[in-house]
Protein backbone atom coordinates (compact mmCIF):
# COMPACT_ATOMS: atom_id res chain seq x y z
CA MET A 1 -77.92 15.25 -17.47
CA ARG A 2 -76.70 18.54 -16.03
CA ASN A 3 -73.04 19.50 -16.19
CA PHE A 4 -73.11 21.52 -12.96
CA LEU A 5 -73.92 21.27 -9.26
CA THR A 6 -75.86 23.67 -7.05
CA THR A 7 -74.12 24.94 -3.93
CA LYS A 8 -76.18 22.51 -1.83
CA GLU A 9 -75.22 19.55 -4.00
CA PHE A 10 -71.56 20.57 -3.89
CA ALA A 11 -71.73 21.02 -0.12
CA ASP A 12 -73.42 17.65 0.41
CA LYS A 13 -70.74 15.87 -1.62
CA ILE A 14 -67.87 17.34 0.44
CA GLY A 15 -69.58 17.20 3.84
CA MET A 16 -69.98 20.94 4.33
CA LYS A 17 -72.90 23.31 4.79
CA PRO A 18 -73.93 25.43 1.79
CA ALA A 19 -73.72 28.60 3.87
CA SER A 20 -70.09 27.83 4.76
CA ILE A 21 -69.22 27.57 1.08
CA ARG A 22 -71.01 30.83 0.24
CA VAL A 23 -69.33 32.74 3.09
CA PHE A 24 -65.87 31.41 2.17
CA LEU A 25 -66.47 32.32 -1.48
CA CYS A 26 -67.56 35.84 -0.49
CA ARG A 27 -64.49 36.36 1.69
CA HIS A 28 -61.87 34.78 -0.57
CA GLY A 29 -63.21 34.91 -4.13
CA SER A 30 -63.20 31.13 -4.47
CA TYR A 31 -63.82 28.05 -2.35
CA HIS A 32 -60.28 26.77 -1.81
CA GLY A 33 -59.40 27.61 -5.40
CA ILE A 34 -62.69 26.41 -6.90
CA LYS A 35 -64.89 29.06 -8.48
CA PRO A 36 -68.54 28.85 -9.46
CA ILE A 37 -69.16 28.72 -13.20
CA GLY A 38 -72.14 31.05 -13.07
CA ARG A 39 -75.60 31.59 -11.67
CA MET A 40 -78.99 30.10 -12.40
CA PRO A 41 -81.84 32.44 -13.40
CA ASN A 42 -83.00 32.39 -9.76
CA GLY A 43 -79.57 33.66 -8.61
CA TRP A 44 -78.27 30.38 -7.21
CA LEU A 45 -74.58 29.70 -7.78
CA ILE A 46 -73.65 26.78 -9.99
CA TRP A 47 -70.39 24.86 -9.65
CA PRO A 48 -68.47 22.61 -12.05
CA LYS A 49 -69.67 19.00 -11.93
CA ASN A 50 -66.12 17.95 -10.95
CA ALA A 51 -65.81 20.50 -8.09
CA PRO A 52 -65.94 17.83 -5.33
CA GLU A 53 -63.14 15.87 -7.01
CA LYS A 54 -61.05 19.03 -7.35
CA PHE A 55 -61.68 19.81 -3.68
CA PHE A 56 -60.41 16.42 -2.52
CA GLU A 57 -57.47 16.52 -4.95
CA LEU A 58 -56.38 19.77 -3.29
CA GLY A 59 -56.26 17.83 -0.01
CA ARG A 60 -58.52 20.13 2.02
CA ILE A 61 -60.34 17.16 3.57
CA ARG A 62 -59.11 13.67 2.85
CA GLU A 63 -62.44 11.83 3.01
CA PRO A 64 -66.01 13.00 3.60
CA GLU A 65 -66.40 10.28 6.25
CA ILE A 66 -63.80 12.00 8.44
CA PHE A 67 -65.80 15.21 8.39
CA GLU A 68 -69.04 13.31 8.98
CA ARG A 69 -67.62 11.52 12.04
CA THR A 70 -66.36 14.82 13.44
CA GLN A 71 -69.68 16.54 12.79
CA ASN A 72 -71.58 13.67 14.44
CA ALA A 73 -69.34 13.90 17.51
CA ILE A 74 -69.93 17.65 17.76
CA ASN A 75 -73.69 17.16 17.41
CA HIS A 76 -73.63 14.45 20.07
CA ILE A 77 -71.82 16.77 22.50
CA GLY A 78 -74.39 19.49 21.78
CA GLU A 79 -77.25 17.08 22.55
CA ARG A 80 -75.87 16.36 26.04
CA LYS A 81 -76.23 19.98 27.15
């Protein structure tokens, strides 16, 4: 079993898009205080296995369901246009 997450896996667990995490990391040097632990041979970032738990402990988003409901509402509005 691996002891890391890819950016996509991390993003999926916290209800974000991988690109949002990469942009925030580039601009701020970490993702809300969480730093990648390295890179894979193909250049992909790898994150600590407990990164999602750290993210929620920091209180950035209380529950992934809240983000998912908000994202679904935004998507629904976009579909009406």
